[in-house]
mmCIF file of all heavy atoms, coordinates in Angstrom:
data_MODEL
# 
_entry.id   MODEL 
# 
loop_
_atom_site.group_PDB 
_atom_site.id 
_atom_site.type_symbol 
_atom_site.label_atom_id 
_atom_site.label_alt_id 
_atom_site.label_comp_id 
_atom_site.label_asym_id 
_atom_site.label_entity_id 
_atom_site.label_seq_id 
_atom_site.pdbx_PDB_ins_code 
_atom_site.Cartn_x 
_atom_site.Cartn_y 
_atom_site.Cartn_z 
_atom_site.occupancy 
_atom_site.B_iso_or_equiv 
_atom_site.pdbx_formal_charge 
_atom_site.auth_seq_id 
_atom_site.auth_comp_id 
_atom_site.auth_asym_id 
_atom_site.auth_atom_id 
_atom_site.pdbx_PDB_model_num 
ATOM 1   N N   . LYS A 1 1  ? -16.001 10.668  -2.585 1.00 0.00 ? 1  LYS A N   1 
ATOM 2   C CA  . LYS A 1 1  ? -14.805 10.227  -3.245 1.00 0.00 ? 1  LYS A CA  1 
ATOM 3   C C   . LYS A 1 1  ? -13.771 10.175  -2.002 1.00 0.00 ? 1  LYS A C   1 
ATOM 4   O O   . LYS A 1 1  ? -13.178 11.175  -1.561 1.00 0.00 ? 1  LYS A O   1 
ATOM 5   C CB  . LYS A 1 1  ? -14.333 11.212  -4.249 1.00 0.00 ? 1  LYS A CB  1 
ATOM 6   C CG  . LYS A 1 1  ? -15.213 11.245  -5.464 1.00 0.00 ? 1  LYS A CG  1 
ATOM 7   C CD  . LYS A 1 1  ? -14.498 12.245  -6.507 1.00 0.00 ? 1  LYS A CD  1 
ATOM 8   C CE  . LYS A 1 1  ? -15.459 12.208  -7.675 1.00 0.00 ? 1  LYS A CE  1 
ATOM 9   N NZ  . LYS A 1 1  ? -14.849 13.191  -8.762 1.00 0.00 ? 1  LYS A NZ  1 
ATOM 10  N N   . PRO A 1 2  ? -13.341 8.933   -1.579 1.00 0.00 ? 2  PRO A N   1 
ATOM 11  C CA  . PRO A 1 2  ? -12.293 8.812   -0.672 1.00 0.00 ? 2  PRO A CA  1 
ATOM 12  C C   . PRO A 1 2  ? -10.913 9.251   -1.283 1.00 0.00 ? 2  PRO A C   1 
ATOM 13  O O   . PRO A 1 2  ? -10.799 9.208   -2.505 1.00 0.00 ? 2  PRO A O   1 
ATOM 14  C CB  . PRO A 1 2  ? -12.339 7.301   -0.255 1.00 0.00 ? 2  PRO A CB  1 
ATOM 15  C CG  . PRO A 1 2  ? -12.958 6.647   -1.390 1.00 0.00 ? 2  PRO A CG  1 
ATOM 16  C CD  . PRO A 1 2  ? -13.982 7.683   -2.001 1.00 0.00 ? 2  PRO A CD  1 
ATOM 17  N N   . THR A 1 3  ? -9.952  9.513   -0.406 1.00 0.00 ? 3  THR A N   1 
ATOM 18  C CA  . THR A 1 3  ? -8.692  9.926   -0.890 1.00 0.00 ? 3  THR A CA  1 
ATOM 19  C C   . THR A 1 3  ? -7.640  8.796   -0.658 1.00 0.00 ? 3  THR A C   1 
ATOM 20  O O   . THR A 1 3  ? -7.528  8.228   0.404  1.00 0.00 ? 3  THR A O   1 
ATOM 21  C CB  . THR A 1 3  ? -8.207  11.165  -0.165 1.00 0.00 ? 3  THR A CB  1 
ATOM 22  O OG1 . THR A 1 3  ? -9.100  12.262  -0.377 1.00 0.00 ? 3  THR A OG1 1 
ATOM 23  C CG2 . THR A 1 3  ? -6.827  11.555  -0.379 1.00 0.00 ? 3  THR A CG2 1 
ATOM 24  N N   . VAL A 1 4  ? -6.882  8.457   -1.568 1.00 0.00 ? 4  VAL A N   1 
ATOM 25  C CA  . VAL A 1 4  ? -5.686  7.680   -1.619 1.00 0.00 ? 4  VAL A CA  1 
ATOM 26  C C   . VAL A 1 4  ? -4.534  8.610   -1.281 1.00 0.00 ? 4  VAL A C   1 
ATOM 27  O O   . VAL A 1 4  ? -4.091  9.321   -2.037 1.00 0.00 ? 4  VAL A O   1 
ATOM 28  C CB  . VAL A 1 4  ? -5.418  6.754   -2.896 1.00 0.00 ? 4  VAL A CB  1 
ATOM 29  C CG1 . VAL A 1 4  ? -4.158  6.032   -2.792 1.00 0.00 ? 4  VAL A CG1 1 
ATOM 30  C CG2 . VAL A 1 4  ? -6.638  5.952   -3.187 1.00 0.00 ? 4  VAL A CG2 1 
ATOM 31  N N   . SER A 1 5  ? -3.951  8.376   -0.029 1.00 0.00 ? 5  SER A N   1 
ATOM 32  C CA  . SER A 1 5  ? -2.903  9.254   0.416  1.00 0.00 ? 5  SER A CA  1 
ATOM 33  C C   . SER A 1 5  ? -1.522  8.648   0.384  1.00 0.00 ? 5  SER A C   1 
ATOM 34  O O   . SER A 1 5  ? -0.546  9.391   0.391  1.00 0.00 ? 5  SER A O   1 
ATOM 35  C CB  . SER A 1 5  ? -3.195  9.667   1.865  1.00 0.00 ? 5  SER A CB  1 
ATOM 36  O OG  . SER A 1 5  ? -3.220  8.612   2.696  1.00 0.00 ? 5  SER A OG  1 
ATOM 37  N N   . ASN A 1 6  ? -1.383  7.402   0.218  1.00 0.00 ? 6  ASN A N   1 
ATOM 38  C CA  . ASN A 1 6  ? -0.038  6.759   0.207  1.00 0.00 ? 6  ASN A CA  1 
ATOM 39  C C   . ASN A 1 6  ? -0.087  5.337   -0.292 1.00 0.00 ? 6  ASN A C   1 
ATOM 40  O O   . ASN A 1 6  ? -1.154  4.717   -0.209 1.00 0.00 ? 6  ASN A O   1 
ATOM 41  C CB  . ASN A 1 6  ? 0.602   6.777   1.604  1.00 0.00 ? 6  ASN A CB  1 
ATOM 42  C CG  . ASN A 1 6  ? 2.086   6.492   1.680  1.00 0.00 ? 6  ASN A CG  1 
ATOM 43  O OD1 . ASN A 1 6  ? 2.713   6.644   0.615  1.00 0.00 ? 6  ASN A OD1 1 
ATOM 44  N ND2 . ASN A 1 6  ? 2.529   6.196   2.717  1.00 0.00 ? 6  ASN A ND2 1 
ATOM 45  N N   . ILE A 1 7  ? 1.037   4.936   -0.915 1.00 0.00 ? 7  ILE A N   1 
ATOM 46  C CA  . ILE A 1 7  ? 1.124   3.493   -1.233 1.00 0.00 ? 7  ILE A CA  1 
ATOM 47  C C   . ILE A 1 7  ? 2.515   3.037   -0.818 1.00 0.00 ? 7  ILE A C   1 
ATOM 48  O O   . ILE A 1 7  ? 3.502   3.642   -1.096 1.00 0.00 ? 7  ILE A O   1 
ATOM 49  C CB  . ILE A 1 7  ? 1.040   3.337   -2.828 1.00 0.00 ? 7  ILE A CB  1 
ATOM 50  C CG1 . ILE A 1 7  ? -0.332  3.712   -3.322 1.00 0.00 ? 7  ILE A CG1 1 
ATOM 51  C CG2 . ILE A 1 7  ? 1.377   1.833   -3.206 1.00 0.00 ? 7  ILE A CG2 1 
ATOM 52  C CD1 . ILE A 1 7  ? -0.350  3.765   -4.835 1.00 0.00 ? 7  ILE A CD1 1 
ATOM 53  N N   . ARG A 1 8  ? 2.576   1.977   0.081  1.00 0.00 ? 8  ARG A N   1 
ATOM 54  C CA  . ARG A 1 8  ? 3.678   1.555   0.779  1.00 0.00 ? 8  ARG A CA  1 
ATOM 55  C C   . ARG A 1 8  ? 4.019   0.121   0.184  1.00 0.00 ? 8  ARG A C   1 
ATOM 56  O O   . ARG A 1 8  ? 3.134   -0.624  -0.249 1.00 0.00 ? 8  ARG A O   1 
ATOM 57  C CB  . ARG A 1 8  ? 3.525   1.536   2.269  1.00 0.00 ? 8  ARG A CB  1 
ATOM 58  C CG  . ARG A 1 8  ? 3.317   2.977   2.883  1.00 0.00 ? 8  ARG A CG  1 
ATOM 59  C CD  . ARG A 1 8  ? 3.403   2.897   4.333  1.00 0.00 ? 8  ARG A CD  1 
ATOM 60  N NE  . ARG A 1 8  ? 2.073   2.456   4.981  1.00 0.00 ? 8  ARG A NE  1 
ATOM 61  C CZ  . ARG A 1 8  ? 1.948   1.212   5.434  1.00 0.00 ? 8  ARG A CZ  1 
ATOM 62  N NH1 . ARG A 1 8  ? 3.085   0.443   5.604  1.00 0.00 ? 8  ARG A NH1 1 
ATOM 63  N NH2 . ARG A 1 8  ? 0.757   0.877   5.953  1.00 0.00 ? 8  ARG A NH2 1 
ATOM 64  N N   . PHE A 1 9  ? 5.302   -0.305  0.373  1.00 0.00 ? 9  PHE A N   1 
ATOM 65  C CA  . PHE A 1 9  ? 5.751   -1.612  -0.037 1.00 0.00 ? 9  PHE A CA  1 
ATOM 66  C C   . PHE A 1 9  ? 6.533   -2.308  1.028  1.00 0.00 ? 9  PHE A C   1 
ATOM 67  O O   . PHE A 1 9  ? 7.279   -1.632  1.721  1.00 0.00 ? 9  PHE A O   1 
ATOM 68  C CB  . PHE A 1 9  ? 6.570   -1.556  -1.279 1.00 0.00 ? 9  PHE A CB  1 
ATOM 69  C CG  . PHE A 1 9  ? 5.772   -0.810  -2.490 1.00 0.00 ? 9  PHE A CG  1 
ATOM 70  C CD1 . PHE A 1 9  ? 5.722   0.528   -2.603 1.00 0.00 ? 9  PHE A CD1 1 
ATOM 71  C CD2 . PHE A 1 9  ? 5.137   -1.668  -3.449 1.00 0.00 ? 9  PHE A CD2 1 
ATOM 72  C CE1 . PHE A 1 9  ? 5.025   1.156   -3.684 1.00 0.00 ? 9  PHE A CE1 1 
ATOM 73  C CE2 . PHE A 1 9  ? 4.487   -0.963  -4.503 1.00 0.00 ? 9  PHE A CE2 1 
ATOM 74  C CZ  . PHE A 1 9  ? 4.452   0.350   -4.647 1.00 0.00 ? 9  PHE A CZ  1 
ATOM 75  N N   . GLY A 1 10 ? 6.370   -3.593  1.121  1.00 0.00 ? 10 GLY A N   1 
ATOM 76  C CA  . GLY A 1 10 ? 7.227   -4.433  1.913  1.00 0.00 ? 10 GLY A CA  1 
ATOM 77  C C   . GLY A 1 10 ? 8.015   -5.514  1.020  1.00 0.00 ? 10 GLY A C   1 
ATOM 78  O O   . GLY A 1 10 ? 7.324   -6.105  0.207  1.00 0.00 ? 10 GLY A O   1 
ATOM 79  N N   . GLU A 1 11 ? 9.134   -5.573  1.165  1.00 0.00 ? 11 GLU A N   1 
ATOM 80  C CA  . GLU A 1 11 ? 10.139  -6.450  0.484  1.00 0.00 ? 11 GLU A CA  1 
ATOM 81  C C   . GLU A 1 11 ? 10.598  -7.619  1.211  1.00 0.00 ? 11 GLU A C   1 
ATOM 82  O O   . GLU A 1 11 ? 11.045  -7.486  2.304  1.00 0.00 ? 11 GLU A O   1 
ATOM 83  C CB  . GLU A 1 11 ? 11.294  -5.801  -0.201 1.00 0.00 ? 11 GLU A CB  1 
ATOM 84  C CG  . GLU A 1 11 ? 10.870  -4.542  -1.103 1.00 0.00 ? 11 GLU A CG  1 
ATOM 85  C CD  . GLU A 1 11 ? 12.074  -3.802  -1.555 1.00 0.00 ? 11 GLU A CD  1 
ATOM 86  O OE1 . GLU A 1 11 ? 13.029  -4.536  -2.082 1.00 0.00 ? 11 GLU A OE1 1 
ATOM 87  O OE2 . GLU A 1 11 ? 12.042  -2.594  -1.617 1.00 0.00 ? 11 GLU A OE2 1 
ATOM 88  N N   . HIS A 1 12 ? 10.430  -8.757  0.615  1.00 0.00 ? 12 HIS A N   1 
ATOM 89  C CA  . HIS A 1 12 ? 10.997  -10.044 1.209  1.00 0.00 ? 12 HIS A CA  1 
ATOM 90  C C   . HIS A 1 12 ? 11.656  -10.830 -0.033 1.00 0.00 ? 12 HIS A C   1 
ATOM 91  O O   . HIS A 1 12 ? 11.597  -10.464 -1.092 1.00 0.00 ? 12 HIS A O   1 
ATOM 92  C CB  . HIS A 1 12 ? 9.863   -10.908 1.806  1.00 0.00 ? 12 HIS A CB  1 
ATOM 93  C CG  . HIS A 1 12 ? 9.185   -10.183 2.868  1.00 0.00 ? 12 HIS A CG  1 
ATOM 94  N ND1 . HIS A 1 12 ? 9.557   -9.981  4.127  1.00 0.00 ? 12 HIS A ND1 1 
ATOM 95  C CD2 . HIS A 1 12 ? 7.935   -9.507  2.816  1.00 0.00 ? 12 HIS A CD2 1 
ATOM 96  C CE1 . HIS A 1 12 ? 8.731   -9.283  4.856  1.00 0.00 ? 12 HIS A CE1 1 
ATOM 97  N NE2 . HIS A 1 12 ? 7.619   -8.987  4.081  1.00 0.00 ? 12 HIS A NE2 1 
ATOM 98  N N   . ALA A 1 13 ? 12.324  -11.938 0.376  1.00 0.00 ? 13 ALA A N   1 
ATOM 99  C CA  . ALA A 1 13 ? 13.082  -12.733 -0.664 1.00 0.00 ? 13 ALA A CA  1 
ATOM 100 C C   . ALA A 1 13 ? 12.222  -13.010 -1.797 1.00 0.00 ? 13 ALA A C   1 
ATOM 101 O O   . ALA A 1 13 ? 12.713  -12.795 -2.932 1.00 0.00 ? 13 ALA A O   1 
ATOM 102 C CB  . ALA A 1 13 ? 13.751  -13.896 -0.008 1.00 0.00 ? 13 ALA A CB  1 
ATOM 103 N N   . ASP A 1 14 ? 11.125  -13.561 -1.591 1.00 0.00 ? 14 ASP A N   1 
ATOM 104 C CA  . ASP A 1 14 ? 10.282  -14.043 -2.693 1.00 0.00 ? 14 ASP A CA  1 
ATOM 105 C C   . ASP A 1 14 ? 8.897   -13.466 -2.775 1.00 0.00 ? 14 ASP A C   1 
ATOM 106 O O   . ASP A 1 14 ? 8.020   -13.913 -3.443 1.00 0.00 ? 14 ASP A O   1 
ATOM 107 C CB  . ASP A 1 14 ? 10.130  -15.596 -2.618 1.00 0.00 ? 14 ASP A CB  1 
ATOM 108 C CG  . ASP A 1 14 ? 9.586   -16.145 -1.399 1.00 0.00 ? 14 ASP A CG  1 
ATOM 109 O OD1 . ASP A 1 14 ? 9.320   -15.257 -0.446 1.00 0.00 ? 14 ASP A OD1 1 
ATOM 110 O OD2 . ASP A 1 14 ? 9.177   -17.315 -1.341 1.00 0.00 ? 14 ASP A OD2 1 
ATOM 111 N N   . ARG A 1 15 ? 8.742   -12.382 -1.979 1.00 0.00 ? 15 ARG A N   1 
ATOM 112 C CA  . ARG A 1 15 ? 7.363   -11.806 -1.914 1.00 0.00 ? 15 ARG A CA  1 
ATOM 113 C C   . ARG A 1 15 ? 7.493   -10.274 -1.867 1.00 0.00 ? 15 ARG A C   1 
ATOM 114 O O   . ARG A 1 15 ? 8.521   -9.737  -1.385 1.00 0.00 ? 15 ARG A O   1 
ATOM 115 C CB  . ARG A 1 15 ? 6.618   -12.230 -0.620 1.00 0.00 ? 15 ARG A CB  1 
ATOM 116 C CG  . ARG A 1 15 ? 6.095   -13.593 -0.708 1.00 0.00 ? 15 ARG A CG  1 
ATOM 117 C CD  . ARG A 1 15 ? 5.067   -13.890 0.324  1.00 0.00 ? 15 ARG A CD  1 
ATOM 118 N NE  . ARG A 1 15 ? 4.597   -15.350 0.164  1.00 0.00 ? 15 ARG A NE  1 
ATOM 119 C CZ  . ARG A 1 15 ? 3.541   -15.714 0.944  1.00 0.00 ? 15 ARG A CZ  1 
ATOM 120 N NH1 . ARG A 1 15 ? 2.873   -14.953 1.689  1.00 0.00 ? 15 ARG A NH1 1 
ATOM 121 N NH2 . ARG A 1 15 ? 3.160   -17.028 0.756  1.00 0.00 ? 15 ARG A NH2 1 
ATOM 122 N N   . THR A 1 16 ? 6.427   -9.631  -2.352 1.00 0.00 ? 16 THR A N   1 
ATOM 123 C CA  . THR A 1 16 ? 6.273   -8.164  -2.197 1.00 0.00 ? 16 THR A CA  1 
ATOM 124 C C   . THR A 1 16 ? 4.922   -7.822  -1.734 1.00 0.00 ? 16 THR A C   1 
ATOM 125 O O   . THR A 1 16 ? 3.939   -8.390  -2.234 1.00 0.00 ? 16 THR A O   1 
ATOM 126 C CB  . THR A 1 16 ? 6.628   -7.455  -3.522 1.00 0.00 ? 16 THR A CB  1 
ATOM 127 O OG1 . THR A 1 16 ? 7.924   -7.618  -3.859 1.00 0.00 ? 16 THR A OG1 1 
ATOM 128 C CG2 . THR A 1 16 ? 6.306   -5.927  -3.435 1.00 0.00 ? 16 THR A CG2 1 
ATOM 129 N N   . ARG A 1 17 ? 4.858   -6.997  -0.674 1.00 0.00 ? 17 ARG A N   1 
ATOM 130 C CA  . ARG A 1 17 ? 3.571   -6.535  -0.140 1.00 0.00 ? 17 ARG A CA  1 
ATOM 131 C C   . ARG A 1 17 ? 3.286   -5.118  -0.654 1.00 0.00 ? 17 ARG A C   1 
ATOM 132 O O   . ARG A 1 17 ? 4.078   -4.247  -0.504 1.00 0.00 ? 17 ARG A O   1 
ATOM 133 C CB  . ARG A 1 17 ? 3.403   -6.636  1.293  1.00 0.00 ? 17 ARG A CB  1 
ATOM 134 C CG  . ARG A 1 17 ? 2.247   -5.987  1.945  1.00 0.00 ? 17 ARG A CG  1 
ATOM 135 C CD  . ARG A 1 17 ? 2.044   -6.336  3.412  1.00 0.00 ? 17 ARG A CD  1 
ATOM 136 N NE  . ARG A 1 17 ? 1.387   -7.677  3.551  1.00 0.00 ? 17 ARG A NE  1 
ATOM 137 C CZ  . ARG A 1 17 ? 0.961   -8.148  4.646  1.00 0.00 ? 17 ARG A CZ  1 
ATOM 138 N NH1 . ARG A 1 17 ? 1.004   -7.394  5.739  1.00 0.00 ? 17 ARG A NH1 1 
ATOM 139 N NH2 . ARG A 1 17 ? 0.484   -9.374  4.683  1.00 0.00 ? 17 ARG A NH2 1 
ATOM 140 N N   . ILE A 1 18 ? 2.004   -4.896  -1.088 1.00 0.00 ? 18 ILE A N   1 
ATOM 141 C CA  . ILE A 1 18 ? 1.579   -3.455  -1.552 1.00 0.00 ? 18 ILE A CA  1 
ATOM 142 C C   . ILE A 1 18 ? 0.499   -3.121  -0.608 1.00 0.00 ? 18 ILE A C   1 
ATOM 143 O O   . ILE A 1 18 ? -0.428  -3.910  -0.352 1.00 0.00 ? 18 ILE A O   1 
ATOM 144 C CB  . ILE A 1 18 ? 1.099   -3.561  -3.037 1.00 0.00 ? 18 ILE A CB  1 
ATOM 145 C CG1 . ILE A 1 18 ? 2.135   -3.966  -3.948 1.00 0.00 ? 18 ILE A CG1 1 
ATOM 146 C CG2 . ILE A 1 18 ? 0.518   -2.188  -3.420 1.00 0.00 ? 18 ILE A CG2 1 
ATOM 147 C CD1 . ILE A 1 18 ? 1.708   -4.196  -5.450 1.00 0.00 ? 18 ILE A CD1 1 
ATOM 148 N N   . VAL A 1 19 ? 0.670   -1.968  0.032  1.00 0.00 ? 19 VAL A N   1 
ATOM 149 C CA  . VAL A 1 19 ? -0.451  -1.375  1.012  1.00 0.00 ? 19 VAL A CA  1 
ATOM 150 C C   . VAL A 1 19 ? -0.890  -0.036  0.456  1.00 0.00 ? 19 VAL A C   1 
ATOM 151 O O   . VAL A 1 19 ? -0.047  0.908   0.308  1.00 0.00 ? 19 VAL A O   1 
ATOM 152 C CB  . VAL A 1 19 ? 0.271   -1.258  2.325  1.00 0.00 ? 19 VAL A CB  1 
ATOM 153 C CG1 . VAL A 1 19 ? -0.860  -0.762  3.436  1.00 0.00 ? 19 VAL A CG1 1 
ATOM 154 C CG2 . VAL A 1 19 ? 0.806   -2.568  2.907  1.00 0.00 ? 19 VAL A CG2 1 
ATOM 155 N N   . ILE A 1 20 ? -2.110  -0.037  0.088  1.00 0.00 ? 20 ILE A N   1 
ATOM 156 C CA  . ILE A 1 20 ? -2.736  1.321   -0.431 1.00 0.00 ? 20 ILE A CA  1 
ATOM 157 C C   . ILE A 1 20 ? -3.505  1.897   0.765  1.00 0.00 ? 20 ILE A C   1 
ATOM 158 O O   . ILE A 1 20 ? -4.501  1.236   1.225  1.00 0.00 ? 20 ILE A O   1 
ATOM 159 C CB  . ILE A 1 20 ? -3.681  0.925   -1.554 1.00 0.00 ? 20 ILE A CB  1 
ATOM 160 C CG1 . ILE A 1 20 ? -2.909  0.114   -2.590 1.00 0.00 ? 20 ILE A CG1 1 
ATOM 161 C CG2 . ILE A 1 20 ? -4.223  2.186   -2.106 1.00 0.00 ? 20 ILE A CG2 1 
ATOM 162 C CD1 . ILE A 1 20 ? -3.758  -0.523  -3.756 1.00 0.00 ? 20 ILE A CD1 1 
ATOM 163 N N   . GLU A 1 21 ? -3.137  3.054   1.108  1.00 0.00 ? 21 GLU A N   1 
ATOM 164 C CA  . GLU A 1 21 ? -3.821  3.774   2.232  1.00 0.00 ? 21 GLU A CA  1 
ATOM 165 C C   . GLU A 1 21 ? -4.984  4.738   1.644  1.00 0.00 ? 21 GLU A C   1 
ATOM 166 O O   . GLU A 1 21 ? -4.704  5.510   0.874  1.00 0.00 ? 21 GLU A O   1 
ATOM 167 C CB  . GLU A 1 21 ? -2.845  4.630   3.105  1.00 0.00 ? 21 GLU A CB  1 
ATOM 168 C CG  . GLU A 1 21 ? -1.806  3.752   3.762  1.00 0.00 ? 21 GLU A CG  1 
ATOM 169 C CD  . GLU A 1 21 ? -0.814  4.580   4.590  1.00 0.00 ? 21 GLU A CD  1 
ATOM 170 O OE1 . GLU A 1 21 ? -1.060  5.880   4.681  1.00 0.00 ? 21 GLU A OE1 1 
ATOM 171 O OE2 . GLU A 1 21 ? -0.078  4.034   5.295  1.00 0.00 ? 21 GLU A OE2 1 
ATOM 172 N N   . VAL A 1 22 ? -6.183  4.525   2.119  1.00 0.00 ? 22 VAL A N   1 
ATOM 173 C CA  . VAL A 1 22 ? -7.430  5.093   1.670  1.00 0.00 ? 22 VAL A CA  1 
ATOM 174 C C   . VAL A 1 22 ? -8.187  5.625   2.782  1.00 0.00 ? 22 VAL A C   1 
ATOM 175 O O   . VAL A 1 22 ? -8.342  4.977   3.822  1.00 0.00 ? 22 VAL A O   1 
ATOM 176 C CB  . VAL A 1 22 ? -8.026  4.209   0.563  1.00 0.00 ? 22 VAL A CB  1 
ATOM 177 C CG1 . VAL A 1 22 ? -8.609  3.079   1.406  1.00 0.00 ? 22 VAL A CG1 1 
ATOM 178 C CG2 . VAL A 1 22 ? -9.183  5.057   0.059  1.00 0.00 ? 22 VAL A CG2 1 
ATOM 179 N N   . GLY A 1 23 ? -8.816  6.814   2.640  1.00 0.00 ? 23 GLY A N   1 
ATOM 180 C CA  . GLY A 1 23 ? -9.485  7.423   3.720  1.00 0.00 ? 23 GLY A CA  1 
ATOM 181 C C   . GLY A 1 23 ? -10.887 6.773   4.145  1.00 0.00 ? 23 GLY A C   1 
ATOM 182 O O   . GLY A 1 23 ? -11.315 7.059   5.264  1.00 0.00 ? 23 GLY A O   1 
ATOM 183 N N   . SER A 1 24 ? -11.438 5.906   3.263  1.00 0.00 ? 24 SER A N   1 
ATOM 184 C CA  . SER A 1 24 ? -12.726 5.333   3.648  1.00 0.00 ? 24 SER A CA  1 
ATOM 185 C C   . SER A 1 24 ? -12.551 3.862   3.242  1.00 0.00 ? 24 SER A C   1 
ATOM 186 O O   . SER A 1 24 ? -11.761 3.442   2.465  1.00 0.00 ? 24 SER A O   1 
ATOM 187 C CB  . SER A 1 24 ? -13.756 5.892   2.907  1.00 0.00 ? 24 SER A CB  1 
ATOM 188 O OG  . SER A 1 24 ? -13.950 7.308   3.172  1.00 0.00 ? 24 SER A OG  1 
# 
């Protein structure tokens, strides 16, 4: 079972980026 340790976001005018950090 890998670990999800963080979820980060990037914001732009018409876009949003989601980054899910996982151990494996």
